[in-house]
Amino acid sequence: MAAASPWDSQVTLLPPNTPLYTHLNLEQEEIRLLAILPESYSHDIRCHLATHSLKDLNPAYRAFLTENNLHCLRDPDVLEKWTQKHISPKLASLDPLKRVYATQPPSQLHRFAWGDFAALSYVWGDSKQTRSITVNERVMAVTINLERALREFRNTGDFRHGFRLWVDALCINQEDLTERASLVKKMPSIYGSAWCVVAWLGKGSSGITLALQLVRDLITFREASYADELELRLREDPRFLGTMKWLGLHELMDRLYWYRLWIIQEIAMGGSRTTLRCGAATLYWVSFCSGIAMLQEHLWLVKDKCLEKDVEDATSTEYSGWKTTSLHLVYRHLTPLSGDRDKVYALAGLMPASVTRLLQPEYTLPVTERRIETPISGPSYLFPRESDNRELLPYRASGDLKGKPVFLENEHLECTGFIVSKISGLSARWTGFFAWSPYTVASPKDFDSAYGDFDVTAEAIFRTLVADRDIYRQKATRRHTAILQLPSTFEDAEEDFLGRGWSWLAGLEKYYYRWERFRQANKDFRLGPFEFDEFFSEKMPPGASEYDITEAYSCFDRSSQKRQFMTTSSGHVDWAPDNIYGAPYVQTEVLGEAYVQGLMDGEAIEGLKNTRYETGTFTFC
C-alpha cells in the first residue's frame, strides 16, 4: 500500500517492489521528476522518482492563463506575471527573493497540481567513475559530478516540498532505447517548460567564489558608467579590484561545462531564468553575461595583465593565458540566448517544429550525423550582441526558394538546389584562433575576376573580408575599405597608431598577430596576375579613422573564424568552411556553408530565371 512521505506531503511513497521505470504517456506530456530527501544517518543521497504530467495544471494557474489569454508554459514573461500576481512587482524583483525563488519557489507559485520543477544542465563526466545513490530504495550508480550536484542541492534544502528536479540520467530510462529517442526530441520542451534551468558548473572553491564576486563587481562598474575609468585604473594597477579574482574567473571559464555542445540548447530554452550554480554559490545567467560583456567590451586588453599578476601571487600556478574559447562562447554565442531564444537554430532541438519532425533520434542504429540546412539570415557570430535597433539586413542568396530536405530510407539526405560554380582555389586553412597554415594554400590555376579590373576586384575582396556587413548588421560601405589599409604587422602599425593618438589600437599588440598571421600565410595566394598581398596597402591615408579601422577589423575577425578565403571557377571570391583542404590534400566534395561575394543578395536567382543555372536534386551521404 502507498503511504505519504513524512518529509513532503506531496510525495507518495510506493511499495518497494514497484518498478522504477514505467511507461510514459507522452500524449499527456508525462515526465519523471526527482525529489531529494533530507540527510539521513547514512549520509548517502536518497531520492524519490515519480511520474507527473505537464498537462496537470494547478486550477489557479489554469484560470490565470485563461483570464490573461496566455497559452505557453515556456514564456518567461508569463512566469513573471504569475509571480507578480502573488507578490508585488517591486518585491518580486529584489535579488534576495529572485535568488531563493529560483530553486525554492513557495507553494503558491507552483503551476501544477503536483508542484513544479527545474531542469538540470550539467556535464555527465567520466561514466566509469561513479558513486552510489538511492532512488526509490534502489541503489543506482551515477557519475561523480551528478552525485556532487545532488549532494549540494540536499545541503541547501533544494528540490523538496513539491519542487522537483529533472535530470536526464535518472529521469530517462537509459536502458529503453525507444524512450531515449523520444525524450531527446522532447528535451527542448522539458527545459522550456521548467520553472528554471540550473546550470551546474561543478564543485565550489574559494577561487570560484572570488570569480563570481568579480563578475558582480564588473556589473556594478558597468551599470554606474565607470567602465572606462575602471580600465584606466587596472592599467595603472592590475590589483585595483583585489587579488586572485581574475585567476578564479580563469578557473571558472576552464570548467568542462563550457565545452559541452548541449549547453547551447539547454541555456537557450532556460533563457533569462537560467541560474549558474557552482557548489553553493549562484549567479543569474543574465548577470553573468553582463559581466562577461564588460570584460570583452571594455577590459579585453587589460585583463591579461590582471591575470598575470594573480598568477604571480599564486606561486604554484603556471600562467597559461585566458581561456578565450569559453569567453567567446559566452559572449558571442550564448549571451543572445538570455533574451531572444528563437535566434538559435543550430541544434535540432531549437529548430522549428516543421523541421524537427524530420529528425528522429534512433539509438538502436549506429551513430550517424543528420543535419538539415535551412535558409537563415547568417551565423549569429557575424553580428554584435547589441545593435542600435536598426533592422537586420539578412542575406538573400536563395531568395524564397526552399531546399525541400527529406531523409531517404538509406539515411541519406536529399534536397533540391542548383550549382553556381566550383571551388578553384583555397587560401591558408584556419587551424586555430590565432593560426593559419600556409602549407594548405592552393592558388587557382586560372583566375579571371568576375568583378572587373583591379580596383573593382579590390572592392570585392574588402567586402568578402567583412562578409559585406557592418557591426550593425547593415550592408558594408566604402568606410570598410579600411581593412585594405591596415598594415600587415604590428611593428609597422604601432608607430603610426601612436602618432595619430590611437591609444586603443596601439594597445592591440597581443591580439594583432591574428591579422599578421592571416596576411603572412596568404600573401602569395594568386588572383590572376596579382598576389593577394598586392591588394593591401602598408600605409594608412592621412584622413584614416580609428573607428573605421577598428570596425573593419572587427568585421573581418568575426567573418574569418573557422573559414578560409577561396576563389571559384566563375571568378568570384568567397569564404569557405575551414574543413576544406587544399594542397597537398585533395577534397572534391564538401558540405558546408559558403559566402560568395556578389551572390548573397539574390543575384544567383536571376541566373536561375534566365536559365544560366538549373535546379537539380542532391543527395548527401
Foldseek 3Di string as FASTA:
>chain_A
DWDADPFARLDIQDDLPDDLDDDDDVVQPKWKWKAWDAQDPVRFTEIEIDIDGPNQWDVVLVVVCVVVVHDDLQDVVSLLVLVCVVPPNVVCPDPVNLVCCLFPNDQSSATHPSGAEEEEQEDQPDPVAWDWHHYSNRIDTGHPQVSLVSSLCNVVVGRGRRYTYDYPVRTFPPVDQQRVQVVVLCVLVVLSNHPAYEYELGADDPLLVLQVVLLVVLLVCVVVVNLQVVLVVCVVPLCPVHASNLVSVLVSLPGCSLVDPCVLSNCLSRAQSYWYDHRNDIDTLLSNQSSLCSCVVRVVLSSFVSNVVNCVVVVVDDDDDGPVVSSCCSQQPVNLSNPPSLPDDPDLSNHPPVVVVQDGDGPVDPDDDDDDDWDDQDDSNLEHSDAPPDDADGWQLPPPDTQPWHQDPVRWIKTKDWDDFFFQWWFFFDDDLQATALQQGGAGPAADAPQDDLVRVLVLVLCQLLVQAFNNNHGDDPLLSLQQAAALALVLVLVVCVVVVNVVVNSCNVPSSSSNNRCVSQQQRDRHPDGPNVSHHNHDDPPRDPVSNVRSVSSSSSNPPQWTWTATPSNWIKIDGSVATHPPDHDRDDDDDMRTRPSRHPPVVVCVVVVVIDMDMDIGD
